[in-house]
N, C-alpha and C. Protein backbone atom coordinates (compact mmCIF):
# COMPACT_ATOMS: atom_id res chain seq x y z
N MET A 1 28.16 38.21 4.80
CA MET A 1 27.83 39.59 4.42
C MET A 1 27.50 39.64 2.93
N PRO A 2 26.40 40.30 2.57
CA PRO A 2 26.02 40.36 1.16
C PRO A 2 27.05 41.12 0.32
N ASP A 3 27.17 40.71 -0.93
CA ASP A 3 28.08 41.44 -1.81
C ASP A 3 27.30 42.57 -2.49
N SER A 4 28.03 43.43 -3.18
CA SER A 4 27.38 44.60 -3.79
C SER A 4 26.39 44.20 -4.88
N ALA A 5 26.65 43.10 -5.60
CA ALA A 5 25.70 42.65 -6.62
C ALA A 5 24.39 42.22 -5.96
N GLU A 6 24.48 41.47 -4.86
CA GLU A 6 23.26 41.07 -4.16
C GLU A 6 22.47 42.28 -3.69
N GLU A 7 23.17 43.26 -3.14
CA GLU A 7 22.49 44.47 -2.68
C GLU A 7 21.88 45.23 -3.86
N GLY A 8 22.57 45.27 -4.98
CA GLY A 8 22.03 45.94 -6.16
C GLY A 8 20.75 45.28 -6.66
N PHE A 9 20.74 43.96 -6.71
CA PHE A 9 19.53 43.26 -7.15
C PHE A 9 18.41 43.43 -6.13
N MET A 10 18.76 43.46 -4.83
CA MET A 10 17.72 43.66 -3.81
C MET A 10 17.16 45.08 -3.91
N ARG A 11 17.98 46.04 -4.27
CA ARG A 11 17.47 47.40 -4.46
C ARG A 11 16.47 47.45 -5.63
N GLU A 12 16.73 46.65 -6.64
CA GLU A 12 15.77 46.55 -7.75
C GLU A 12 14.46 45.92 -7.27
N ALA A 13 14.56 44.92 -6.41
CA ALA A 13 13.36 44.31 -5.84
C ALA A 13 12.62 45.32 -4.97
N LEU A 14 13.35 46.15 -4.23
CA LEU A 14 12.72 47.20 -3.44
C LEU A 14 11.98 48.20 -4.33
N ALA A 15 12.54 48.51 -5.48
CA ALA A 15 11.85 49.40 -6.42
C ALA A 15 10.53 48.79 -6.87
N GLU A 16 10.52 47.49 -7.08
CA GLU A 16 9.27 46.80 -7.43
C GLU A 16 8.28 46.86 -6.28
N ALA A 17 8.78 46.69 -5.05
CA ALA A 17 7.91 46.75 -3.87
C ALA A 17 7.23 48.11 -3.76
N ARG A 18 7.96 49.15 -4.09
CA ARG A 18 7.37 50.50 -4.04
C ARG A 18 6.24 50.66 -5.07
N LYS A 19 6.33 49.95 -6.18
CA LYS A 19 5.24 49.96 -7.16
C LYS A 19 3.98 49.35 -6.56
N ALA A 20 4.17 48.27 -5.80
CA ALA A 20 3.03 47.63 -5.13
C ALA A 20 2.38 48.62 -4.16
N TRP A 21 3.19 49.27 -3.35
CA TRP A 21 2.68 50.25 -2.38
C TRP A 21 1.86 51.32 -3.09
N ALA A 22 2.37 51.84 -4.19
CA ALA A 22 1.68 52.91 -4.92
C ALA A 22 0.29 52.48 -5.37
N LEU A 23 0.09 51.17 -5.51
CA LEU A 23 -1.22 50.64 -5.92
C LEU A 23 -2.05 50.14 -4.74
N GLY A 24 -1.56 50.35 -3.52
CA GLY A 24 -2.29 49.92 -2.33
C GLY A 24 -2.07 48.46 -1.98
N GLU A 25 -1.10 47.83 -2.60
CA GLU A 25 -0.77 46.43 -2.32
C GLU A 25 0.33 46.37 -1.26
N VAL A 26 0.42 45.25 -0.57
CA VAL A 26 1.52 45.07 0.38
C VAL A 26 2.83 45.18 -0.40
N PRO A 27 3.75 46.05 0.05
CA PRO A 27 4.96 46.32 -0.73
C PRO A 27 6.02 45.21 -0.67
N VAL A 28 5.84 44.23 -1.53
CA VAL A 28 6.82 43.17 -1.71
C VAL A 28 7.18 43.16 -3.19
N GLY A 29 8.47 43.10 -3.47
CA GLY A 29 8.94 43.09 -4.85
C GLY A 29 9.96 42.00 -5.06
N ALA A 30 10.09 41.58 -6.32
CA ALA A 30 11.02 40.50 -6.66
C ALA A 30 11.61 40.73 -8.05
N VAL A 31 12.82 40.21 -8.23
CA VAL A 31 13.44 40.17 -9.55
C VAL A 31 14.06 38.79 -9.74
N VAL A 32 14.07 38.33 -10.99
CA VAL A 32 14.73 37.07 -11.34
C VAL A 32 15.98 37.43 -12.14
N VAL A 33 17.09 36.82 -11.75
CA VAL A 33 18.39 37.11 -12.35
C VAL A 33 18.95 35.85 -12.98
N LYS A 34 19.47 35.98 -14.19
CA LYS A 34 20.17 34.88 -14.87
C LYS A 34 21.45 35.44 -15.46
N ASP A 35 22.54 34.79 -15.19
CA ASP A 35 23.85 35.21 -15.71
C ASP A 35 24.15 36.67 -15.39
N GLY A 36 23.78 37.10 -14.18
CA GLY A 36 24.09 38.45 -13.73
C GLY A 36 23.20 39.54 -14.27
N GLU A 37 22.13 39.18 -14.99
CA GLU A 37 21.21 40.16 -15.58
C GLU A 37 19.79 39.90 -15.10
N ILE A 38 19.05 40.97 -14.82
CA ILE A 38 17.64 40.83 -14.46
C ILE A 38 16.86 40.48 -15.72
N ILE A 39 16.14 39.36 -15.66
CA ILE A 39 15.33 38.94 -16.81
C ILE A 39 13.84 39.10 -16.56
N ALA A 40 13.45 39.32 -15.28
CA ALA A 40 12.03 39.46 -14.97
C ALA A 40 11.86 40.20 -13.65
N ARG A 41 10.71 40.83 -13.52
CA ARG A 41 10.38 41.60 -12.32
C ARG A 41 8.95 41.29 -11.91
N GLY A 42 8.68 41.53 -10.64
CA GLY A 42 7.31 41.35 -10.17
C GLY A 42 7.08 42.08 -8.86
N PHE A 43 5.84 42.44 -8.62
CA PHE A 43 5.46 43.02 -7.32
C PHE A 43 4.09 42.49 -6.97
N ASN A 44 3.77 42.57 -5.68
CA ASN A 44 2.50 42.04 -5.19
C ASN A 44 1.33 42.67 -5.94
N GLN A 45 0.37 41.80 -6.36
CA GLN A 45 -0.80 42.27 -7.07
C GLN A 45 -2.07 41.48 -6.75
N PRO A 46 -2.15 40.81 -5.61
CA PRO A 46 -3.34 39.98 -5.37
C PRO A 46 -4.63 40.78 -5.20
N ILE A 47 -4.56 41.96 -4.62
CA ILE A 47 -5.78 42.74 -4.38
C ILE A 47 -6.36 43.23 -5.71
N ALA A 48 -5.56 43.90 -6.50
CA ALA A 48 -6.04 44.45 -7.77
C ALA A 48 -6.48 43.36 -8.73
N GLY A 49 -5.76 42.26 -8.74
CA GLY A 49 -6.07 41.19 -9.67
C GLY A 49 -7.05 40.16 -9.15
N HIS A 50 -7.51 40.35 -7.90
CA HIS A 50 -8.39 39.37 -7.27
C HIS A 50 -7.80 37.97 -7.42
N ASP A 51 -6.48 37.89 -7.16
CA ASP A 51 -5.74 36.65 -7.39
C ASP A 51 -4.85 36.34 -6.19
N PRO A 52 -5.23 35.36 -5.38
CA PRO A 52 -4.43 35.05 -4.20
C PRO A 52 -3.02 34.53 -4.53
N THR A 53 -2.78 34.15 -5.77
CA THR A 53 -1.45 33.67 -6.14
C THR A 53 -0.56 34.77 -6.71
N ALA A 54 -1.04 35.99 -6.81
CA ALA A 54 -0.28 37.06 -7.45
C ALA A 54 0.72 37.72 -6.49
N HIS A 55 1.47 36.89 -5.76
CA HIS A 55 2.56 37.41 -4.94
C HIS A 55 3.69 37.85 -5.87
N ALA A 56 4.54 38.72 -5.39
CA ALA A 56 5.65 39.26 -6.19
C ALA A 56 6.48 38.15 -6.82
N GLU A 57 6.76 37.11 -6.03
CA GLU A 57 7.61 36.01 -6.51
C GLU A 57 6.95 35.27 -7.67
N ILE A 58 5.67 35.00 -7.56
CA ILE A 58 4.94 34.27 -8.60
C ILE A 58 4.88 35.10 -9.88
N VAL A 59 4.60 36.40 -9.72
CA VAL A 59 4.57 37.30 -10.89
C VAL A 59 5.92 37.29 -11.59
N ALA A 60 7.01 37.38 -10.82
CA ALA A 60 8.35 37.38 -11.40
C ALA A 60 8.69 36.03 -12.03
N LEU A 61 8.32 34.93 -11.38
CA LEU A 61 8.58 33.60 -11.95
C LEU A 61 7.84 33.41 -13.27
N ARG A 62 6.59 33.84 -13.33
CA ARG A 62 5.82 33.72 -14.58
C ARG A 62 6.48 34.52 -15.70
N ALA A 63 6.92 35.72 -15.37
CA ALA A 63 7.57 36.56 -16.38
C ALA A 63 8.89 35.95 -16.85
N ALA A 64 9.66 35.39 -15.92
CA ALA A 64 10.94 34.76 -16.27
C ALA A 64 10.71 33.54 -17.16
N ALA A 65 9.70 32.74 -16.82
CA ALA A 65 9.39 31.55 -17.62
C ALA A 65 9.00 31.95 -19.04
N ALA A 66 8.26 33.05 -19.18
CA ALA A 66 7.88 33.53 -20.51
C ALA A 66 9.12 33.99 -21.29
N VAL A 67 10.02 34.68 -20.63
CA VAL A 67 11.25 35.15 -21.29
C VAL A 67 12.08 33.97 -21.77
N LEU A 68 12.23 32.97 -20.93
CA LEU A 68 13.07 31.82 -21.27
C LEU A 68 12.34 30.75 -22.10
N GLY A 69 11.02 30.87 -22.17
CA GLY A 69 10.26 29.87 -22.90
C GLY A 69 10.31 28.50 -22.25
N ASN A 70 10.35 28.49 -20.92
CA ASN A 70 10.46 27.23 -20.19
C ASN A 70 9.93 27.44 -18.77
N TYR A 71 9.18 26.47 -18.28
CA TYR A 71 8.70 26.58 -16.90
C TYR A 71 9.79 26.26 -15.89
N ARG A 72 10.87 25.67 -16.33
CA ARG A 72 12.04 25.45 -15.48
C ARG A 72 12.98 26.64 -15.65
N LEU A 73 13.57 27.07 -14.56
CA LEU A 73 14.44 28.24 -14.58
C LEU A 73 15.82 27.89 -14.03
N PRO A 74 16.49 26.92 -14.63
CA PRO A 74 17.81 26.52 -14.12
C PRO A 74 18.81 27.66 -14.23
N GLY A 75 19.65 27.77 -13.23
CA GLY A 75 20.66 28.81 -13.23
C GLY A 75 20.14 30.18 -12.85
N CYS A 76 18.87 30.28 -12.52
CA CYS A 76 18.28 31.57 -12.14
C CYS A 76 18.26 31.75 -10.64
N GLU A 77 18.29 33.02 -10.25
CA GLU A 77 18.19 33.41 -8.85
C GLU A 77 17.02 34.36 -8.71
N LEU A 78 16.33 34.28 -7.59
CA LEU A 78 15.22 35.19 -7.32
C LEU A 78 15.57 36.01 -6.09
N TYR A 79 15.46 37.33 -6.22
CA TYR A 79 15.66 38.26 -5.12
C TYR A 79 14.30 38.81 -4.74
N VAL A 80 13.96 38.74 -3.45
CA VAL A 80 12.66 39.19 -2.99
C VAL A 80 12.82 39.90 -1.66
N THR A 81 12.01 40.93 -1.44
CA THR A 81 12.17 41.78 -0.27
C THR A 81 11.68 41.14 1.02
N LEU A 82 10.83 40.14 0.94
CA LEU A 82 10.28 39.47 2.12
C LEU A 82 10.44 37.96 1.97
N GLU A 83 10.76 37.30 3.04
CA GLU A 83 10.91 35.85 3.03
C GLU A 83 9.68 35.19 2.38
N PRO A 84 9.90 34.33 1.41
CA PRO A 84 8.78 33.70 0.70
C PRO A 84 7.90 32.82 1.60
N CYS A 85 6.63 32.75 1.23
CA CYS A 85 5.67 31.87 1.89
C CYS A 85 5.79 30.46 1.31
N VAL A 86 4.98 29.55 1.83
CA VAL A 86 5.01 28.16 1.35
C VAL A 86 4.63 28.07 -0.12
N MET A 87 3.59 28.81 -0.53
CA MET A 87 3.16 28.76 -1.93
C MET A 87 4.29 29.19 -2.85
N CYS A 88 4.90 30.31 -2.56
CA CYS A 88 5.97 30.83 -3.41
C CYS A 88 7.20 29.93 -3.37
N SER A 89 7.54 29.43 -2.21
CA SER A 89 8.69 28.52 -2.08
C SER A 89 8.46 27.26 -2.90
N GLY A 90 7.25 26.74 -2.87
CA GLY A 90 6.93 25.55 -3.68
C GLY A 90 7.08 25.83 -5.16
N ALA A 91 6.62 26.98 -5.60
CA ALA A 91 6.76 27.36 -7.01
C ALA A 91 8.23 27.49 -7.39
N MET A 92 9.02 28.04 -6.49
CA MET A 92 10.46 28.20 -6.75
C MET A 92 11.14 26.84 -6.88
N MET A 93 10.73 25.90 -6.05
CA MET A 93 11.30 24.56 -6.14
C MET A 93 10.92 23.90 -7.46
N HIS A 94 9.66 24.03 -7.85
CA HIS A 94 9.22 23.44 -9.12
C HIS A 94 9.92 24.08 -10.31
N ALA A 95 10.25 25.36 -10.19
CA ALA A 95 10.97 26.07 -11.25
C ALA A 95 12.45 25.71 -11.28
N ARG A 96 12.91 25.04 -10.23
CA ARG A 96 14.32 24.62 -10.12
C ARG A 96 15.28 25.81 -10.04
N LEU A 97 14.87 26.84 -9.29
CA LEU A 97 15.76 27.98 -9.08
C LEU A 97 17.04 27.52 -8.39
N ALA A 98 18.14 28.16 -8.73
CA ALA A 98 19.41 27.85 -8.09
C ALA A 98 19.49 28.49 -6.70
N ARG A 99 19.01 29.74 -6.60
CA ARG A 99 19.10 30.47 -5.33
C ARG A 99 17.90 31.37 -5.13
N VAL A 100 17.58 31.56 -3.86
CA VAL A 100 16.59 32.54 -3.45
C VAL A 100 17.27 33.43 -2.42
N VAL A 101 17.23 34.73 -2.66
CA VAL A 101 17.83 35.71 -1.77
C VAL A 101 16.71 36.61 -1.29
N TYR A 102 16.55 36.71 0.03
CA TYR A 102 15.48 37.57 0.53
C TYR A 102 16.00 38.56 1.55
N GLY A 103 15.20 39.61 1.74
CA GLY A 103 15.55 40.68 2.67
C GLY A 103 15.03 40.40 4.06
N ALA A 104 13.83 40.85 4.35
CA ALA A 104 13.24 40.74 5.69
C ALA A 104 12.69 39.34 5.94
N ALA A 105 12.89 38.88 7.16
CA ALA A 105 12.29 37.61 7.58
C ALA A 105 10.79 37.82 7.79
N ASP A 106 10.01 36.74 7.66
CA ASP A 106 8.57 36.81 7.89
C ASP A 106 8.21 35.80 8.99
N PRO A 107 8.11 36.29 10.23
CA PRO A 107 7.87 35.38 11.36
C PRO A 107 6.48 34.76 11.38
N LYS A 108 5.58 35.21 10.50
CA LYS A 108 4.22 34.66 10.48
C LYS A 108 4.03 33.60 9.40
N THR A 109 4.64 33.80 8.23
CA THR A 109 4.41 32.86 7.12
C THR A 109 5.68 32.46 6.38
N GLY A 110 6.83 32.82 6.89
CA GLY A 110 8.09 32.54 6.19
C GLY A 110 8.39 31.06 6.05
N ALA A 111 8.70 30.65 4.83
CA ALA A 111 8.96 29.24 4.55
C ALA A 111 10.42 28.96 4.21
N CYS A 112 11.30 29.89 4.60
CA CYS A 112 12.74 29.70 4.40
C CYS A 112 13.47 29.67 5.73
N GLY A 113 12.75 29.35 6.78
CA GLY A 113 13.38 29.22 8.09
C GLY A 113 12.64 29.88 9.23
N SER A 114 11.83 30.90 8.97
CA SER A 114 11.15 31.57 10.07
C SER A 114 10.06 30.72 10.70
N VAL A 115 9.22 30.11 9.88
CA VAL A 115 8.17 29.21 10.38
C VAL A 115 8.53 27.77 10.03
N VAL A 116 8.85 27.54 8.78
CA VAL A 116 9.34 26.25 8.28
C VAL A 116 10.46 26.56 7.29
N ASN A 117 11.20 25.53 6.94
CA ASN A 117 12.18 25.70 5.86
C ASN A 117 11.91 24.63 4.82
N LEU A 118 11.12 25.00 3.85
CA LEU A 118 10.75 24.07 2.80
C LEU A 118 11.95 23.60 2.00
N PHE A 119 12.94 24.45 1.86
CA PHE A 119 14.11 24.11 1.04
C PHE A 119 15.04 23.11 1.72
N GLU A 120 14.87 22.87 3.00
CA GLU A 120 15.70 21.90 3.71
C GLU A 120 15.02 20.54 3.87
N GLN A 121 13.86 20.37 3.31
CA GLN A 121 13.16 19.09 3.43
C GLN A 121 13.86 18.05 2.57
N GLU A 122 14.53 17.12 3.21
CA GLU A 122 15.35 16.14 2.49
C GLU A 122 14.56 15.27 1.53
N ARG A 123 13.29 15.01 1.85
CA ARG A 123 12.49 14.12 0.99
C ARG A 123 12.07 14.79 -0.31
N LEU A 124 12.17 16.10 -0.40
CA LEU A 124 11.84 16.79 -1.64
C LEU A 124 13.01 16.67 -2.61
N ASN A 125 12.70 16.66 -3.90
CA ASN A 125 13.74 16.34 -4.89
C ASN A 125 14.60 17.51 -5.35
N HIS A 126 14.25 18.73 -5.00
CA HIS A 126 15.07 19.87 -5.41
C HIS A 126 15.37 20.72 -4.18
N HIS A 127 16.59 21.15 -4.05
CA HIS A 127 16.99 21.95 -2.89
C HIS A 127 17.64 23.25 -3.35
N THR A 128 16.87 24.30 -3.30
CA THR A 128 17.32 25.63 -3.69
C THR A 128 18.11 26.25 -2.55
N GLU A 129 19.23 26.86 -2.88
CA GLU A 129 20.02 27.56 -1.87
C GLU A 129 19.28 28.83 -1.46
N THR A 130 19.31 29.16 -0.17
CA THR A 130 18.69 30.39 0.29
C THR A 130 19.73 31.28 0.98
N VAL A 131 19.56 32.57 0.79
CA VAL A 131 20.40 33.58 1.43
C VAL A 131 19.43 34.55 2.09
N ALA A 132 19.59 34.76 3.38
CA ALA A 132 18.67 35.61 4.14
C ALA A 132 19.33 36.92 4.53
N GLY A 133 18.50 37.94 4.68
CA GLY A 133 18.94 39.17 5.32
C GLY A 133 19.62 40.22 4.46
N VAL A 134 19.54 40.11 3.15
CA VAL A 134 20.16 41.13 2.30
C VAL A 134 19.28 42.39 2.35
N LEU A 135 19.85 43.47 2.83
CA LEU A 135 19.14 44.73 3.05
C LEU A 135 17.89 44.52 3.91
N ALA A 136 18.00 43.63 4.88
CA ALA A 136 16.86 43.26 5.73
C ALA A 136 16.21 44.46 6.40
N GLU A 137 17.01 45.35 6.93
CA GLU A 137 16.45 46.50 7.64
C GLU A 137 15.65 47.40 6.70
N GLU A 138 16.20 47.67 5.53
CA GLU A 138 15.50 48.51 4.56
C GLU A 138 14.20 47.84 4.09
N CYS A 139 14.28 46.55 3.82
CA CYS A 139 13.09 45.80 3.38
C CYS A 139 12.03 45.78 4.48
N GLY A 140 12.46 45.50 5.70
CA GLY A 140 11.53 45.46 6.83
C GLY A 140 10.92 46.82 7.12
N ASN A 141 11.73 47.87 7.04
CA ASN A 141 11.21 49.22 7.30
C ASN A 141 10.17 49.64 6.27
N LEU A 142 10.33 49.22 5.03
CA LEU A 142 9.34 49.53 4.01
C LEU A 142 7.98 48.92 4.38
N LEU A 143 8.01 47.66 4.79
CA LEU A 143 6.77 47.00 5.21
C LEU A 143 6.18 47.64 6.45
N LYS A 144 7.01 47.93 7.44
CA LYS A 144 6.52 48.56 8.68
C LYS A 144 5.88 49.91 8.38
N SER A 145 6.52 50.69 7.53
CA SER A 145 5.98 52.01 7.18
C SER A 145 4.64 51.89 6.48
N PHE A 146 4.54 50.92 5.58
CA PHE A 146 3.29 50.70 4.86
C PHE A 146 2.15 50.39 5.84
N PHE A 147 2.40 49.44 6.75
CA PHE A 147 1.34 49.03 7.67
C PHE A 147 1.03 50.11 8.69
N THR A 148 2.01 50.89 9.10
CA THR A 148 1.77 52.02 9.99
C THR A 148 0.85 53.03 9.31
N GLU A 149 1.17 53.35 8.04
CA GLU A 149 0.34 54.28 7.28
C GLU A 149 -1.06 53.71 7.07
N ARG A 150 -1.15 52.45 6.78
CA ARG A 150 -2.44 51.80 6.52
C ARG A 150 -3.32 51.80 7.77
N ARG A 151 -2.71 51.49 8.94
CA ARG A 151 -3.48 51.50 10.18
C ARG A 151 -3.96 52.91 10.52
N ALA A 152 -3.10 53.90 10.32
CA ALA A 152 -3.49 55.29 10.59
C ALA A 152 -4.64 55.71 9.69
N ALA A 153 -4.58 55.33 8.43
CA ALA A 153 -5.66 55.67 7.49
C ALA A 153 -6.96 54.97 7.88
N ALA A 154 -6.86 53.72 8.33
CA ALA A 154 -8.05 52.98 8.75
C ALA A 154 -8.68 53.64 9.98
N ARG A 155 -7.84 54.07 10.93
CA ARG A 155 -8.35 54.76 12.13
C ARG A 155 -9.03 56.06 11.76
N ALA A 156 -8.53 56.71 10.74
CA ALA A 156 -9.10 57.99 10.30
C ALA A 156 -10.29 57.78 9.36
N GLY A 157 -10.60 56.52 9.07
CA GLY A 157 -11.74 56.22 8.20
C GLY A 157 -11.46 56.39 6.73
N ARG A 158 -10.19 56.49 6.33
CA ARG A 158 -9.84 56.70 4.93
C ARG A 158 -9.55 55.41 4.18
N ALA A 159 -9.30 54.33 4.88
CA ALA A 159 -8.97 53.07 4.21
C ALA A 159 -9.32 51.91 5.11
N ALA A 160 -9.72 50.84 4.50
CA ALA A 160 -10.01 49.63 5.26
C ALA A 160 -8.73 48.83 5.47
N PRO A 161 -8.63 48.09 6.56
CA PRO A 161 -7.48 47.22 6.71
C PRO A 161 -7.44 46.22 5.57
N LEU A 162 -6.25 45.68 5.29
CA LEU A 162 -6.10 44.75 4.18
C LEU A 162 -6.84 43.44 4.41
N ASP A 163 -6.83 42.95 5.63
CA ASP A 163 -7.58 41.73 5.95
C ASP A 163 -7.80 41.68 7.44
N ASP A 164 -8.46 40.63 7.91
CA ASP A 164 -8.80 40.57 9.32
C ASP A 164 -7.61 40.34 10.24
N THR A 165 -6.45 39.99 9.72
CA THR A 165 -5.27 39.78 10.56
C THR A 165 -4.42 41.03 10.65
N GLY A 166 -4.63 41.97 9.72
CA GLY A 166 -3.82 43.16 9.69
C GLY A 166 -2.50 42.98 9.00
N THR A 167 -2.26 41.79 8.45
CA THR A 167 -0.98 41.55 7.79
C THR A 167 -1.05 41.76 6.30
N GLY A 168 -2.23 41.59 5.73
CA GLY A 168 -2.37 41.74 4.29
C GLY A 168 -1.96 40.51 3.52
N THR A 169 -1.57 39.48 4.23
CA THR A 169 -1.18 38.25 3.54
C THR A 169 -2.09 37.12 3.88
């Protein structure tokens, strides 16, 4: 069961996700924590930035690296509202994060156990601890609401779907 600190950090990640939604991006948010303090934040920005790597986790990792003046982030934890994909999980491993805590599972692209578990690959040299399901229902409901609204707008001719799969990822 998640502790109150984990839930508090996940609520901060949810606040970041809502920023993404406000900009028409898939609502995923992340925060990086070191020594119990948030040092960086990020939310999805690939559409606005025309950048396929601008996932919430990557944005937060870049900001944390700038704060610490190091591309390695030892002792840091990343909280994210959706299970990270392979790209983001790889970046987290290279950054040497201590822990990754996520909310909703991603059965289509999740790389922390839903599709693959990159962090359990024994041949890789760094193994980040993962914690799943912190505020999972709230995180999942935010995504479901976003896509429900997006599909309704597309049917009404007010907005185009995010991509040909309907997932936005």
